[in-house]
Protein backbone atom coordinates (compact mmCIF):
# COMPACT_ATOMS: atom_id res chain seq x y z
CA MET A 1 24.20 24.93 43.99
CA ARG A 2 22.03 24.25 40.76
CA LYS A 3 18.24 23.12 41.01
CA PRO A 4 16.86 20.58 40.33
CA ARG A 5 15.47 20.01 36.85
CA VAL A 6 12.16 19.23 36.32
CA GLY A 7 10.40 18.53 33.29
CA ILE A 8 6.95 19.73 32.85
CA SER A 9 3.87 20.31 31.13
CA PRO A 10 4.16 24.11 30.06
CA CYS A 11 0.24 24.07 30.42
CA LEU A 12 0.62 24.32 34.41
CA LEU A 13 2.86 26.85 34.15
CA GLY A 14 0.31 29.05 32.71
CA LYS A 15 1.24 28.78 29.19
CA LYS A 16 -1.58 28.98 26.33
CA VAL A 17 -0.76 25.33 24.53
CA ARG A 18 -3.81 23.11 25.36
CA TYR A 19 -5.89 22.54 22.15
CA ASP A 20 -8.36 25.33 22.54
CA GLY A 21 -5.82 28.03 23.44
CA GLY A 22 -5.87 27.71 26.91
CA HIS A 23 -3.95 27.14 29.80
CA ARG A 24 -4.22 24.68 33.62
CA HIS A 25 -1.76 27.06 35.21
CA ASN A 26 -1.35 25.29 38.70
CA ARG A 27 -0.48 27.94 41.21
CA TYR A 28 1.20 25.17 43.89
CA ILE A 29 3.63 24.54 40.72
CA THR A 30 4.57 27.75 40.44
CA ASP A 31 4.80 29.70 43.52
CA ILE A 32 5.91 26.82 45.71
CA LEU A 33 7.59 24.65 43.64
CA GLY A 34 9.19 26.87 41.18
CA LYS A 35 11.07 27.97 44.00
CA TYR A 36 13.24 25.10 44.24
CA PHE A 37 12.96 23.50 40.82
CA ASP A 38 14.43 24.43 37.53
CA TRP A 39 11.32 23.80 34.62
CA ILE A 40 12.37 22.24 31.31
CA PRO A 41 9.26 22.14 29.53
CA VAL A 42 8.11 19.87 27.19
CA CYS A 43 4.31 20.07 25.22
CA PRO A 44 4.33 17.27 22.81
CA GLU A 45 1.89 18.70 20.08
CA VAL A 46 3.09 21.73 20.16
CA GLU A 47 6.96 20.72 19.81
CA TYR A 48 5.61 17.51 17.51
CA GLY A 49 4.18 20.99 15.20
CA ARG A 50 0.34 21.23 15.91
CA GLY A 51 -0.98 24.71 16.27
CA ILE A 52 -2.54 26.57 18.48
CA PRO A 53 -5.50 26.20 18.78
CA ARG A 54 -5.76 22.63 17.08
CA GLU A 55 -8.46 19.93 16.56
CA PRO A 56 -8.41 18.01 19.88
CA MET A 57 -7.10 13.93 20.11
CA ARG A 58 -7.55 10.84 21.66
CA LEU A 59 -6.76 7.15 21.90
CA ILE A 60 -8.09 4.54 19.72
CA GLY A 61 -7.21 0.89 19.51
CA ALA A 62 -5.69 -2.03 20.69
CA PRO A 63 -4.94 -0.74 24.43
CA ALA A 64 -1.00 -2.02 24.19
CA MET A 65 -0.77 -0.26 21.35
CA PRO A 66 -3.07 2.93 20.93
CA ARG A 67 -3.39 5.17 17.62
CA LEU A 68 -3.38 8.88 18.19
CA VAL A 69 -6.13 10.52 16.24
CA THR A 70 -7.86 13.32 15.78
CA ILE A 71 -11.51 13.65 17.09
CA PHE A 72 -13.47 15.20 14.30
CA THR A 73 -10.79 14.89 10.97
CA GLY A 74 -9.64 11.14 12.55
CA ILE A 75 -6.33 12.29 10.97
CA ASP A 76 -3.93 9.67 12.88
CA HIS A 77 -0.86 11.72 14.22
CA THR A 78 0.67 7.92 15.70
CA ASP A 79 3.77 7.54 13.31
CA GLY A 80 4.76 11.47 13.13
CA MET A 81 4.47 11.39 17.43
CA MET A 82 6.40 8.82 18.00
CA LYS A 83 9.42 9.54 16.11
CA TRP A 84 8.96 12.65 17.75
CA VAL A 85 9.14 11.34 20.86
CA GLU A 86 12.04 9.07 19.80
CA ASN A 87 14.27 12.25 19.29
CA LYS A 88 12.95 14.17 22.28
CA LEU A 89 14.01 11.76 24.32
CA VAL A 90 17.24 11.17 23.21
CA GLY A 91 17.90 15.17 23.64
CA LEU A 92 16.11 15.23 27.15
CA GLU A 93 19.11 12.86 28.00
CA LYS A 94 21.23 16.02 27.83
CA GLU A 95 19.00 17.80 30.59
CA ASP A 96 20.05 16.04 33.76
CA LEU A 97 16.01 15.95 34.36
CA CYS A 98 15.85 15.08 38.28
CA GLY A 99 11.80 14.74 37.79
CA PHE A 100 8.98 15.71 35.81
CA ILE A 101 5.20 16.62 36.17
CA PHE A 102 2.63 15.53 33.87
CA LYS A 103 -0.49 16.81 32.67
CA SER A 104 -2.77 14.34 33.64
CA LYS A 105 -6.09 12.91 31.12
CA SER A 106 -3.40 13.86 28.15
CA PRO A 107 -3.76 11.92 24.86
CA THR A 108 -0.30 12.86 24.29
CA SER A 109 1.11 13.99 27.74
CA ALA A 110 -0.52 11.96 30.60
CA ILE A 111 1.67 8.82 32.69
CA ARG A 112 -2.22 7.05 33.80
CA GLY A 113 -5.82 7.46 33.40
CA VAL A 114 -5.92 8.15 29.53
CA THR A 115 -9.28 6.81 28.14
CA ILE A 116 -8.65 4.42 25.28
CA LEU A 117 -11.48 3.79 23.10
CA SER A 118 -12.12 0.98 20.82
CA PRO A 119 -12.31 1.19 17.11
CA SER A 120 -16.14 1.65 17.17
CA GLY A 121 -15.93 4.41 20.10
CA GLU A 122 -16.45 3.01 23.18
CA GLU A 123 -14.35 2.96 26.13
CA CYS A 124 -12.22 -0.03 26.59
CA ALA A 125 -9.27 0.67 28.62
CA THR A 126 -6.97 3.48 30.40
CA GLY A 127 -3.52 3.73 29.65
CA ALA A 128 -0.77 6.74 29.50
CA GLY A 129 -0.53 9.12 26.83
CA ILE A 130 1.78 8.80 23.90
CA PHE A 131 5.03 10.81 25.13
CA GLY A 132 4.25 10.03 29.17
CA GLY A 133 4.49 6.21 28.36
CA ALA A 134 7.16 6.24 26.65
CA PHE A 135 9.15 8.60 28.72
CA VAL A 136 8.20 6.25 31.96
CA LYS A 137 9.65 3.75 29.85
CA HIS A 138 12.73 5.12 28.56
CA PHE A 139 13.55 7.23 32.03
CA SER A 140 12.59 4.27 34.36
CA LEU A 141 14.24 5.76 37.45
CA ILE A 142 13.65 9.08 37.20
CA PRO A 143 10.58 10.17 39.62
CA VAL A 144 7.12 11.19 37.90
CA ILE A 145 3.89 12.30 38.67
CA ASP A 146 0.77 14.24 36.87
CA ASP A 147 -1.03 17.52 38.46
CA GLU A 148 -3.63 15.49 39.66
CA GLN A 149 -1.38 13.40 41.94
CA LEU A 150 0.04 16.63 43.41
CA GLY A 151 -2.89 16.83 45.13
CA ASP A 152 -3.02 13.80 47.24
CA THR A 153 -0.09 14.92 49.88
CA ALA A 154 1.27 11.56 50.48
CA LEU A 155 2.14 11.25 46.74
CA ARG A 156 3.49 14.51 46.37
CA ARG A 157 5.87 13.92 49.73
CA ASP A 158 6.90 11.08 47.88
CA PHE A 159 7.59 12.82 44.25
CA LEU A 160 9.57 15.20 46.15
CA GLU A 161 11.52 13.39 48.58
CA LYS A 162 12.54 11.26 45.35
CA VAL A 163 13.56 14.25 43.21
CA PHE A 164 15.67 15.29 45.45
CA ALA A 165 17.30 12.23 46.32
CA PHE A 166 17.87 11.80 42.72
CA LYS A 167 19.86 15.45 42.72
CA ARG A 168 21.74 14.35 45.43
CA LEU A 169 22.87 10.92 43.98
CA ARG A 170 23.57 13.17 40.44
CA ASP A 171 25.76 15.41 42.40
CA ALA A 172 27.25 12.45 44.10
CA LYS A 173 28.57 10.98 40.51
CA GLU A 174 29.71 13.84 38.82
CA LYS A 175 31.66 15.08 41.91
CA LYS A 176 32.98 11.66 41.91
CA ARG A 177 34.44 12.08 38.06
């Protein structure tokens, strides 16, 4: 039987895709969870076409619809990133994902807790990154977690149970076809 396919921010697998050319390798993910899951890596910024290394970005503006803007040059990547996100979500529909592990605090990948700045530069809210938030809305039934939440035993257990339950349901539907 095939392992559950789980999307993941590739920096957590040790891939050097972060804005500074680094990674955030998480050995629990690769050494333990890697035995049970097939990974589908997704790095929004790299796949969108930004290089490595690259100027970091942040979220600015109205908390309900923040803009994705580079920190030093002020280039707004929101519209281009949103087009990429729409296409990526359609592509991910074909991947049979059973879960997704996101990088926390990323203005593109996070599912929660990203600082949103007002136009004057003051913290005004927290929210999801551009891709992370869109993923959760588009795939509302697929279990998600971020790397910080994986450190919480109860949240980790809940996520893992949901991933395997999702896989069992998907397999049962395929058998009926």
